[in-house]
Amino acid sequence: MSVITILTGCDDMKPQDFAAAEPTLFLEEYFPGKTYAWGIFVDRFGTLRRQLRVEIDGTWDGETLTLDEHFDYADGETDRRVWRITRTGSDRYEGRAEDIIGVASGQIAGNALNWTYTMTLPIGSTPWKVRFDDWMWLQPGGVLINRATVSKWGFTLGTVTLFFSKTPPNEGRDPK
């Protein structure tokens, strides 16, 4: 097995691999209204670097899905991103946001969506252009699992893992 095969082995996953998986994911049906997410960023060495919560206000006007995302990080930092997503084909999406360079492109099949995009991400006081290979899988009960590999110059910097839910924090749970 070559080094190239080992380094790119994970790149073999395609949205079509999930065509028969259920429940079927439709972004314009899942995200309107409030959505909540919780997640982590783990660097390439396996060290947990950040924990975050996200509250998303989603609207669908029949053509554009707008996601107004509000991020709260465990270290006290906050951030906001507004996505504007359009369906460009039966299984294709495009997304734009202020810190996205160009256009995010996505392909959906069954319960899975694969997004790829380049983002300007502040690392300390320096803006870095990093690449995201972003996968989402809708699970029974409405939980959406998101795993994004973040890279620069072809080298993995780390992985973002998020869990999305339409249920607000603590709803239906004993707060003890």
N, C-alpha and C. Protein backbone atom coordinates (compact mmCIF):
# COMPACT_ATOMS: atom_id res chain seq x y z
N MET A 1 0.86 -1.18 0.00
CA MET A 1 0.00 0.00 0.00
C MET A 1 0.90 1.24 0.00
N SER A 2 0.61 2.17 -0.87
CA SER A 2 1.44 3.37 -0.97
C SER A 2 1.10 4.38 0.12
N VAL A 3 2.03 5.29 0.36
CA VAL A 3 1.81 6.36 1.33
C VAL A 3 0.63 7.22 0.88
N ILE A 4 0.51 7.46 -0.41
CA ILE A 4 -0.61 8.27 -0.93
C ILE A 4 -1.93 7.61 -0.59
N THR A 5 -2.04 6.30 -0.75
CA THR A 5 -3.28 5.59 -0.43
C THR A 5 -3.60 5.73 1.06
N ILE A 6 -2.59 5.61 1.90
CA ILE A 6 -2.81 5.73 3.34
C ILE A 6 -3.28 7.14 3.69
N LEU A 7 -2.65 8.15 3.10
CA LEU A 7 -2.99 9.54 3.43
C LEU A 7 -4.33 9.96 2.87
N THR A 8 -4.76 9.35 1.76
CA THR A 8 -6.02 9.78 1.14
C THR A 8 -7.12 8.75 1.27
N GLY A 9 -6.92 7.72 2.05
CA GLY A 9 -7.90 6.64 2.18
C GLY A 9 -9.27 7.10 2.58
N CYS A 10 -9.36 8.10 3.44
CA CYS A 10 -10.65 8.60 3.90
C CYS A 10 -11.38 9.39 2.82
N ASP A 11 -10.65 9.82 1.81
CA ASP A 11 -11.26 10.61 0.74
C ASP A 11 -12.13 9.77 -0.18
N ASP A 12 -12.19 8.46 0.02
CA ASP A 12 -12.97 7.59 -0.83
C ASP A 12 -14.46 7.65 -0.52
N MET A 13 -14.86 8.21 0.61
CA MET A 13 -16.27 8.28 0.97
C MET A 13 -16.97 9.27 0.05
N LYS A 14 -18.10 8.87 -0.48
CA LYS A 14 -18.89 9.70 -1.39
C LYS A 14 -20.33 9.77 -0.90
N PRO A 15 -21.04 10.88 -1.17
CA PRO A 15 -22.44 10.96 -0.76
C PRO A 15 -23.28 9.78 -1.25
N GLN A 16 -23.00 9.27 -2.45
CA GLN A 16 -23.78 8.17 -3.01
C GLN A 16 -23.70 6.91 -2.14
N ASP A 17 -22.65 6.81 -1.31
CA ASP A 17 -22.53 5.67 -0.40
C ASP A 17 -23.70 5.61 0.57
N PHE A 18 -24.40 6.73 0.75
CA PHE A 18 -25.48 6.84 1.74
C PHE A 18 -26.85 6.99 1.09
N ALA A 19 -26.95 6.74 -0.22
CA ALA A 19 -28.18 6.97 -0.96
C ALA A 19 -29.39 6.24 -0.36
N ALA A 20 -29.19 5.06 0.19
CA ALA A 20 -30.30 4.29 0.75
C ALA A 20 -30.48 4.52 2.25
N ALA A 21 -29.61 5.32 2.86
CA ALA A 21 -29.67 5.54 4.31
C ALA A 21 -30.82 6.47 4.67
N GLU A 22 -31.47 6.15 5.77
CA GLU A 22 -32.60 6.95 6.25
C GLU A 22 -32.35 7.36 7.68
N PRO A 23 -33.01 8.43 8.13
CA PRO A 23 -33.99 9.25 7.42
C PRO A 23 -33.32 10.14 6.36
N THR A 24 -34.07 10.47 5.34
CA THR A 24 -33.55 11.29 4.24
C THR A 24 -33.37 12.72 4.71
N LEU A 25 -32.22 13.30 4.38
CA LEU A 25 -31.89 14.66 4.78
C LEU A 25 -32.25 15.64 3.66
N PHE A 26 -33.03 16.66 4.00
CA PHE A 26 -33.30 17.80 3.13
C PHE A 26 -32.99 19.04 3.97
N LEU A 27 -31.96 19.80 3.60
CA LEU A 27 -31.56 20.96 4.40
C LEU A 27 -32.71 21.93 4.60
N GLU A 28 -33.47 22.17 3.53
CA GLU A 28 -34.55 23.15 3.59
C GLU A 28 -35.72 22.70 4.46
N GLU A 29 -35.75 21.43 4.85
CA GLU A 29 -36.75 20.94 5.79
C GLU A 29 -36.19 20.84 7.21
N TYR A 30 -34.91 20.52 7.34
CA TYR A 30 -34.32 20.32 8.67
C TYR A 30 -34.07 21.64 9.40
N PHE A 31 -33.53 22.64 8.72
CA PHE A 31 -33.00 23.82 9.42
C PHE A 31 -33.95 24.98 9.67
N PRO A 32 -35.10 25.13 9.01
CA PRO A 32 -35.95 26.27 9.39
C PRO A 32 -36.37 26.20 10.86
N GLY A 33 -36.45 27.38 11.49
CA GLY A 33 -36.74 27.46 12.91
C GLY A 33 -35.45 27.45 13.70
N LYS A 34 -35.56 27.13 14.98
CA LYS A 34 -34.39 27.07 15.86
C LYS A 34 -33.73 25.70 15.77
N THR A 35 -32.42 25.71 15.71
CA THR A 35 -31.61 24.49 15.78
C THR A 35 -30.48 24.77 16.75
N TYR A 36 -30.10 23.76 17.51
CA TYR A 36 -29.05 23.89 18.51
C TYR A 36 -27.95 22.89 18.20
N ALA A 37 -26.71 23.27 18.48
CA ALA A 37 -25.59 22.35 18.25
C ALA A 37 -24.57 22.49 19.37
N TRP A 38 -23.87 21.38 19.61
CA TRP A 38 -22.81 21.31 20.60
C TRP A 38 -21.65 20.60 19.93
N GLY A 39 -20.43 21.08 20.21
CA GLY A 39 -19.32 20.44 19.52
C GLY A 39 -17.96 20.70 20.12
N ILE A 40 -16.98 20.11 19.44
CA ILE A 40 -15.59 20.20 19.86
C ILE A 40 -14.69 20.34 18.63
N PHE A 41 -13.50 20.92 18.86
CA PHE A 41 -12.43 20.90 17.87
C PHE A 41 -11.25 20.16 18.48
N VAL A 42 -10.81 19.10 17.79
CA VAL A 42 -9.68 18.30 18.23
C VAL A 42 -8.57 18.48 17.20
N ASP A 43 -7.37 18.83 17.66
CA ASP A 43 -6.27 19.05 16.71
C ASP A 43 -5.74 17.73 16.17
N ARG A 44 -4.82 17.81 15.24
CA ARG A 44 -4.31 16.61 14.55
C ARG A 44 -3.56 15.66 15.48
N PHE A 45 -3.22 16.12 16.67
CA PHE A 45 -2.53 15.28 17.64
C PHE A 45 -3.49 14.63 18.63
N GLY A 46 -4.80 14.90 18.47
CA GLY A 46 -5.81 14.32 19.34
C GLY A 46 -6.10 15.14 20.58
N THR A 47 -5.62 16.37 20.64
CA THR A 47 -5.84 17.23 21.80
C THR A 47 -7.10 18.06 21.60
N LEU A 48 -7.98 18.02 22.59
CA LEU A 48 -9.19 18.84 22.55
C LEU A 48 -8.78 20.30 22.73
N ARG A 49 -9.06 21.13 21.73
CA ARG A 49 -8.65 22.53 21.75
C ARG A 49 -9.79 23.49 22.06
N ARG A 50 -11.01 23.16 21.63
CA ARG A 50 -12.14 24.07 21.86
C ARG A 50 -13.42 23.28 22.03
N GLN A 51 -14.31 23.86 22.84
CA GLN A 51 -15.67 23.35 22.97
C GLN A 51 -16.61 24.51 22.65
N LEU A 52 -17.73 24.19 22.02
CA LEU A 52 -18.62 25.26 21.60
C LEU A 52 -20.07 24.83 21.61
N ARG A 53 -20.91 25.86 21.64
CA ARG A 53 -22.36 25.70 21.47
C ARG A 53 -22.77 26.65 20.35
N VAL A 54 -23.79 26.25 19.59
CA VAL A 54 -24.27 27.07 18.49
C VAL A 54 -25.79 27.12 18.56
N GLU A 55 -26.33 28.30 18.38
CA GLU A 55 -27.77 28.46 18.23
C GLU A 55 -28.01 29.03 16.84
N ILE A 56 -28.87 28.36 16.09
CA ILE A 56 -29.09 28.72 14.69
C ILE A 56 -30.55 29.11 14.49
N ASP A 57 -30.75 30.25 13.85
CA ASP A 57 -32.07 30.67 13.41
C ASP A 57 -32.12 30.45 11.90
N GLY A 58 -32.99 29.53 11.46
CA GLY A 58 -33.07 29.20 10.05
C GLY A 58 -34.36 29.67 9.43
N THR A 59 -34.26 30.20 8.21
CA THR A 59 -35.44 30.57 7.44
C THR A 59 -35.31 30.03 6.03
N TRP A 60 -36.42 29.64 5.46
CA TRP A 60 -36.49 29.13 4.10
C TRP A 60 -37.57 29.93 3.37
N ASP A 61 -37.18 30.64 2.29
CA ASP A 61 -38.15 31.46 1.56
C ASP A 61 -38.61 30.81 0.26
N GLY A 62 -38.32 29.53 0.10
CA GLY A 62 -38.68 28.81 -1.11
C GLY A 62 -37.53 28.73 -2.10
N GLU A 63 -36.52 29.58 -1.93
CA GLU A 63 -35.35 29.56 -2.80
C GLU A 63 -34.04 29.54 -2.02
N THR A 64 -33.99 30.29 -0.92
CA THR A 64 -32.76 30.43 -0.14
C THR A 64 -33.00 30.00 1.30
N LEU A 65 -32.11 29.15 1.79
CA LEU A 65 -32.09 28.78 3.20
C LEU A 65 -31.07 29.68 3.86
N THR A 66 -31.51 30.48 4.83
CA THR A 66 -30.61 31.38 5.56
C THR A 66 -30.42 30.81 6.95
N LEU A 67 -29.16 30.61 7.33
CA LEU A 67 -28.82 30.11 8.66
C LEU A 67 -28.02 31.17 9.39
N ASP A 68 -28.61 31.76 10.41
CA ASP A 68 -27.96 32.78 11.23
C ASP A 68 -27.40 32.06 12.46
N GLU A 69 -26.09 31.79 12.44
CA GLU A 69 -25.45 30.98 13.46
C GLU A 69 -24.77 31.86 14.50
N HIS A 70 -25.02 31.58 15.78
CA HIS A 70 -24.40 32.29 16.90
C HIS A 70 -23.59 31.28 17.70
N PHE A 71 -22.28 31.50 17.76
CA PHE A 71 -21.34 30.57 18.41
C PHE A 71 -20.95 31.11 19.79
N ASP A 72 -20.96 30.22 20.77
CA ASP A 72 -20.45 30.51 22.11
C ASP A 72 -19.40 29.45 22.43
N TYR A 73 -18.16 29.90 22.61
CA TYR A 73 -17.05 29.00 22.92
C TYR A 73 -16.84 28.94 24.43
N ALA A 74 -16.35 27.81 24.90
CA ALA A 74 -16.13 27.61 26.34
C ALA A 74 -15.15 28.61 26.92
N ASP A 75 -14.26 29.17 26.07
CA ASP A 75 -13.28 30.14 26.56
C ASP A 75 -13.84 31.57 26.60
N GLY A 76 -15.14 31.72 26.31
CA GLY A 76 -15.79 33.03 26.38
C GLY A 76 -15.90 33.76 25.05
N GLU A 77 -15.20 33.30 24.02
CA GLU A 77 -15.28 33.94 22.71
C GLU A 77 -16.65 33.67 22.09
N THR A 78 -17.13 34.62 21.32
CA THR A 78 -18.37 34.46 20.57
C THR A 78 -18.09 34.76 19.10
N ASP A 79 -18.96 34.28 18.24
CA ASP A 79 -18.82 34.52 16.82
C ASP A 79 -20.19 34.39 16.18
N ARG A 80 -20.29 34.87 14.95
CA ARG A 80 -21.55 34.78 14.21
C ARG A 80 -21.21 34.56 12.74
N ARG A 81 -21.99 33.71 12.11
CA ARG A 81 -21.87 33.47 10.67
C ARG A 81 -23.28 33.37 10.11
N VAL A 82 -23.51 33.99 8.96
CA VAL A 82 -24.80 33.90 8.28
C VAL A 82 -24.57 33.20 6.94
N TRP A 83 -25.12 32.01 6.82
CA TRP A 83 -25.05 31.24 5.58
C TRP A 83 -26.28 31.55 4.72
N ARG A 84 -26.08 31.61 3.43
CA ARG A 84 -27.18 31.67 2.45
C ARG A 84 -26.96 30.50 1.51
N ILE A 85 -27.88 29.55 1.57
CA ILE A 85 -27.72 28.29 0.86
C ILE A 85 -28.84 28.14 -0.17
N THR A 86 -28.47 27.75 -1.38
CA THR A 86 -29.46 27.52 -2.43
C THR A 86 -29.26 26.11 -3.00
N ARG A 87 -30.36 25.53 -3.41
CA ARG A 87 -30.31 24.23 -4.07
C ARG A 87 -30.08 24.49 -5.55
N THR A 88 -29.05 23.86 -6.11
CA THR A 88 -28.70 24.10 -7.51
C THR A 88 -28.99 22.91 -8.41
N GLY A 89 -29.50 21.84 -7.84
CA GLY A 89 -29.83 20.63 -8.58
C GLY A 89 -30.53 19.67 -7.64
N SER A 90 -30.91 18.51 -8.14
CA SER A 90 -31.66 17.57 -7.31
C SER A 90 -30.86 17.11 -6.09
N ASP A 91 -29.52 17.10 -6.21
CA ASP A 91 -28.70 16.66 -5.09
C ASP A 91 -27.55 17.62 -4.79
N ARG A 92 -27.64 18.85 -5.27
CA ARG A 92 -26.55 19.82 -5.13
C ARG A 92 -27.01 21.10 -4.43
N TYR A 93 -26.09 21.65 -3.61
CA TYR A 93 -26.31 22.91 -2.92
C TYR A 93 -25.09 23.80 -3.09
N GLU A 94 -25.32 25.10 -3.00
CA GLU A 94 -24.24 26.08 -2.90
C GLU A 94 -24.50 26.94 -1.68
N GLY A 95 -23.42 27.33 -0.99
CA GLY A 95 -23.56 28.17 0.19
C GLY A 95 -22.56 29.30 0.16
N ARG A 96 -23.01 30.42 0.72
CA ARG A 96 -22.16 31.59 0.81
C ARG A 96 -22.27 32.17 2.21
N ALA A 97 -21.14 32.69 2.70
CA ALA A 97 -21.09 33.41 3.98
C ALA A 97 -19.91 34.36 3.89
N GLU A 98 -19.90 35.36 4.75
CA GLU A 98 -18.87 36.40 4.67
C GLU A 98 -17.44 35.86 4.74
N ASP A 99 -17.21 34.85 5.59
CA ASP A 99 -15.85 34.34 5.75
C ASP A 99 -15.54 33.13 4.87
N ILE A 100 -16.45 32.79 3.97
CA ILE A 100 -16.23 31.71 3.01
C ILE A 100 -15.61 32.32 1.76
N ILE A 101 -14.53 31.74 1.30
CA ILE A 101 -13.86 32.22 0.09
C ILE A 101 -14.51 31.53 -1.10
N GLY A 102 -15.12 32.30 -1.96
CA GLY A 102 -15.83 31.71 -3.09
C GLY A 102 -17.15 31.13 -2.63
N VAL A 103 -17.42 29.91 -3.08
CA VAL A 103 -18.71 29.26 -2.82
C VAL A 103 -18.47 27.90 -2.20
N ALA A 104 -19.25 27.58 -1.16
CA ALA A 104 -19.25 26.23 -0.61
C ALA A 104 -20.10 25.37 -1.53
N SER A 105 -19.63 24.17 -1.84
CA SER A 105 -20.44 23.29 -2.67
C SER A 105 -20.77 22.04 -1.88
N GLY A 106 -22.01 21.59 -2.03
CA GLY A 106 -22.46 20.44 -1.30
C GLY A 106 -23.21 19.46 -2.18
N GLN A 107 -23.09 18.19 -1.80
CA GLN A 107 -23.85 17.14 -2.48
C GLN A 107 -24.53 16.30 -1.41
N ILE A 108 -25.78 15.95 -1.66
CA ILE A 108 -26.59 15.24 -0.68
C ILE A 108 -27.08 13.93 -1.27
N ALA A 109 -27.18 12.90 -0.44
CA ALA A 109 -27.75 11.61 -0.85
C ALA A 109 -28.21 10.89 0.41
N GLY A 110 -29.42 10.39 0.41
CA GLY A 110 -29.94 9.68 1.57
C GLY A 110 -29.91 10.56 2.80
N ASN A 111 -29.22 10.10 3.85
CA ASN A 111 -29.15 10.87 5.09
C ASN A 111 -27.88 11.72 5.19
N ALA A 112 -27.10 11.82 4.11
CA ALA A 112 -25.77 12.46 4.19
C ALA A 112 -25.64 13.67 3.28
N LEU A 113 -24.85 14.63 3.76
CA LEU A 113 -24.46 15.80 2.98
C LEU A 113 -22.95 15.95 3.12
N ASN A 114 -22.28 16.22 2.01
CA ASN A 114 -20.86 16.53 2.02
C ASN A 114 -20.67 17.94 1.50
N TRP A 115 -20.15 18.83 2.36
CA TRP A 115 -19.82 20.22 2.01
C TRP A 115 -18.31 20.33 1.85
N THR A 116 -17.86 21.09 0.88
CA THR A 116 -16.45 21.45 0.80
C THR A 116 -16.36 22.95 0.56
N TYR A 117 -15.43 23.58 1.27
CA TYR A 117 -15.28 25.03 1.13
C TYR A 117 -13.97 25.48 1.75
N THR A 118 -13.57 26.69 1.38
CA THR A 118 -12.41 27.33 1.96
C THR A 118 -12.90 28.51 2.79
N MET A 119 -12.34 28.64 3.98
CA MET A 119 -12.78 29.67 4.93
C MET A 119 -11.58 30.46 5.43
N THR A 120 -11.81 31.73 5.68
CA THR A 120 -10.82 32.55 6.39
C THR A 120 -11.08 32.36 7.88
N LEU A 121 -10.10 31.81 8.58
CA LEU A 121 -10.25 31.48 9.99
C LEU A 121 -9.16 32.19 10.78
N PRO A 122 -9.54 33.01 11.77
CA PRO A 122 -8.49 33.67 12.56
C PRO A 122 -7.79 32.67 13.47
N ILE A 123 -6.48 32.58 13.33
CA ILE A 123 -5.65 31.76 14.21
C ILE A 123 -4.74 32.75 14.93
N GLY A 124 -5.06 33.00 16.20
CA GLY A 124 -4.38 34.09 16.91
C GLY A 124 -4.77 35.39 16.24
N SER A 125 -3.79 36.19 15.85
CA SER A 125 -4.09 37.46 15.19
C SER A 125 -3.92 37.37 13.67
N THR A 126 -3.70 36.14 13.16
CA THR A 126 -3.45 35.96 11.73
C THR A 126 -4.63 35.24 11.07
N PRO A 127 -5.16 35.79 9.98
CA PRO A 127 -6.21 35.06 9.25
C PRO A 127 -5.59 33.97 8.37
N TRP A 128 -6.06 32.75 8.53
CA TRP A 128 -5.59 31.62 7.73
C TRP A 128 -6.69 31.22 6.76
N LYS A 129 -6.31 30.81 5.57
CA LYS A 129 -7.24 30.21 4.62
C LYS A 129 -7.15 28.71 4.83
N VAL A 130 -8.25 28.12 5.30
CA VAL A 130 -8.27 26.69 5.58
C VAL A 130 -9.38 26.03 4.78
N ARG A 131 -9.21 24.76 4.52
CA ARG A 131 -10.16 23.97 3.74
C ARG A 131 -10.97 23.09 4.67
N PHE A 132 -12.28 23.05 4.46
CA PHE A 132 -13.18 22.18 5.22
C PHE A 132 -13.73 21.09 4.31
N ASP A 133 -13.65 19.85 4.77
CA ASP A 133 -14.35 18.73 4.16
C ASP A 133 -15.36 18.31 5.22
N ASP A 134 -16.58 18.72 5.02
CA ASP A 134 -17.62 18.72 6.03
C ASP A 134 -18.68 17.68 5.69
N TRP A 135 -18.91 16.73 6.60
CA TRP A 135 -19.92 15.69 6.41
C TRP A 135 -21.00 15.80 7.47
N MET A 136 -22.26 15.65 7.06
CA MET A 136 -23.40 15.63 7.98
C MET A 136 -24.23 14.38 7.72
N TRP A 137 -24.71 13.75 8.81
CA TRP A 137 -25.57 12.58 8.69
C TRP A 137 -26.77 12.75 9.61
N LEU A 138 -27.97 12.71 9.04
CA LEU A 138 -29.20 12.79 9.82
C LEU A 138 -29.49 11.42 10.43
N GLN A 139 -29.79 11.43 11.74
CA GLN A 139 -30.06 10.20 12.48
C GLN A 139 -31.54 10.14 12.87
N PRO A 140 -32.05 8.95 13.16
CA PRO A 140 -33.41 8.85 13.67
C PRO A 140 -33.56 9.73 14.91
N GLY A 141 -34.71 10.33 15.07
CA GLY A 141 -34.95 11.22 16.21
C GLY A 141 -34.54 12.65 15.94
N GLY A 142 -34.05 12.93 14.73
CA GLY A 142 -33.75 14.31 14.36
C GLY A 142 -32.38 14.83 14.74
N VAL A 143 -31.49 13.98 15.24
CA VAL A 143 -30.14 14.42 15.55
C VAL A 143 -29.33 14.40 14.25
N LEU A 144 -28.59 15.47 14.01
CA LEU A 144 -27.73 15.58 12.85
C LEU A 144 -26.28 15.59 13.34
N ILE A 145 -25.50 14.61 12.90
CA ILE A 145 -24.09 14.52 13.29
C ILE A 145 -23.25 15.16 12.20
N ASN A 146 -22.30 16.00 12.61
CA ASN A 146 -21.45 16.73 11.67
C ASN A 146 -19.99 16.48 12.03
N ARG A 147 -19.20 16.05 11.03
CA ARG A 147 -17.76 15.90 11.22
C ARG A 147 -17.06 16.63 10.08
N ALA A 148 -16.21 17.57 10.43
CA ALA A 148 -15.49 18.35 9.42
C ALA A 148 -13.99 18.21 9.65
N THR A 149 -13.28 17.87 8.59
CA THR A 149 -11.83 17.83 8.64
C THR A 149 -11.32 19.18 8.14
N VAL A 150 -10.47 19.82 8.92
CA VAL A 150 -9.93 21.14 8.60
C VAL A 150 -8.48 20.93 8.17
N SER A 151 -8.13 21.50 7.00
CA SER A 151 -6.76 21.31 6.50
C SER A 151 -6.22 22.60 5.89
N LYS A 152 -4.91 22.63 5.75
CA LYS A 152 -4.20 23.73 5.10
C LYS A 152 -3.04 23.11 4.33
N TRP A 153 -2.90 23.50 3.07
CA TRP A 153 -1.85 22.96 2.19
C TRP A 153 -1.89 21.43 2.13
N GLY A 154 -3.08 20.84 2.30
CA GLY A 154 -3.21 19.39 2.23
C GLY A 154 -2.92 18.66 3.53
N PHE A 155 -2.54 19.38 4.58
CA PHE A 155 -2.24 18.77 5.87
C PHE A 155 -3.41 19.00 6.82
N THR A 156 -3.84 17.95 7.49
CA THR A 156 -4.95 18.05 8.44
C THR A 156 -4.52 18.83 9.67
N LEU A 157 -5.31 19.86 10.01
CA LEU A 157 -5.08 20.64 11.23
C LEU A 157 -5.87 20.06 12.40
N GLY A 158 -7.05 19.51 12.09
CA GLY A 158 -7.90 18.96 13.14
C GLY A 158 -9.27 18.61 12.61
N THR A 159 -10.14 18.25 13.55
CA THR A 159 -11.49 17.81 13.21
C THR A 159 -12.49 18.51 14.12
N VAL A 160 -13.56 19.01 13.50
CA VAL A 160 -14.68 19.58 14.23
C VAL A 160 -15.78 18.53 14.25
N THR A 161 -16.34 18.25 15.43
CA THR A 161 -17.47 17.35 15.56
C THR A 161 -18.60 18.12 16.23
N LEU A 162 -19.77 18.11 15.59
CA LEU A 162 -20.95 18.80 16.11
C LEU A 162 -22.15 17.85 16.12
N PHE A 163 -23.03 18.05 17.07
CA PHE A 163 -24.30 17.35 17.13
C PHE A 163 -25.40 18.40 17.14
N PHE A 164 -26.30 18.32 16.14
CA PHE A 164 -27.40 19.27 16.00
C PHE A 164 -28.69 18.63 16.48
N SER A 165 -29.56 19.46 17.06
CA SER A 165 -30.86 19.00 17.52
C SER A 165 -31.85 20.15 17.42
N LYS A 166 -33.10 19.81 17.19
CA LYS A 166 -34.16 20.81 17.20
C LYS A 166 -34.66 21.05 18.62
N THR A 167 -34.25 20.20 19.55
CA THR A 167 -34.67 20.30 20.95
C THR A 167 -33.75 21.25 21.70
N PRO A 168 -34.31 22.27 22.36
CA PRO A 168 -33.46 23.20 23.13
C PRO A 168 -32.74 22.48 24.27
N PRO A 169 -31.63 23.06 24.71
CA PRO A 169 -30.89 22.46 25.83
C PRO A 169 -31.80 22.27 27.04
N ASN A 170 -31.67 21.12 27.71
CA ASN A 170 -32.40 20.77 28.94
C ASN A 170 -33.88 20.48 28.76
N GLU A 171 -34.43 20.67 27.55
CA GLU A 171 -35.86 20.37 27.37
C GLU A 171 -36.06 18.87 27.47
N GLY A 172 -37.00 18.46 28.31
CA GLY A 172 -37.30 17.07 28.45
C GLY A 172 -36.33 16.30 29.35
N ARG A 173 -35.41 17.01 29.99
CA ARG A 173 -34.43 16.36 30.87
C ARG A 173 -34.53 16.97 32.25
N ASP A 174 -34.27 16.15 33.23
CA ASP A 174 -34.20 16.63 34.61
C ASP A 174 -32.91 17.44 34.75
N PRO A 175 -32.99 18.73 35.16
CA PRO A 175 -31.79 19.57 35.22
C PRO A 175 -30.82 19.20 36.33
N LYS A 176 -31.11 18.19 37.14
CA LYS A 176 -30.23 17.82 38.26
C LYS A 176 -28.90 17.32 37.76
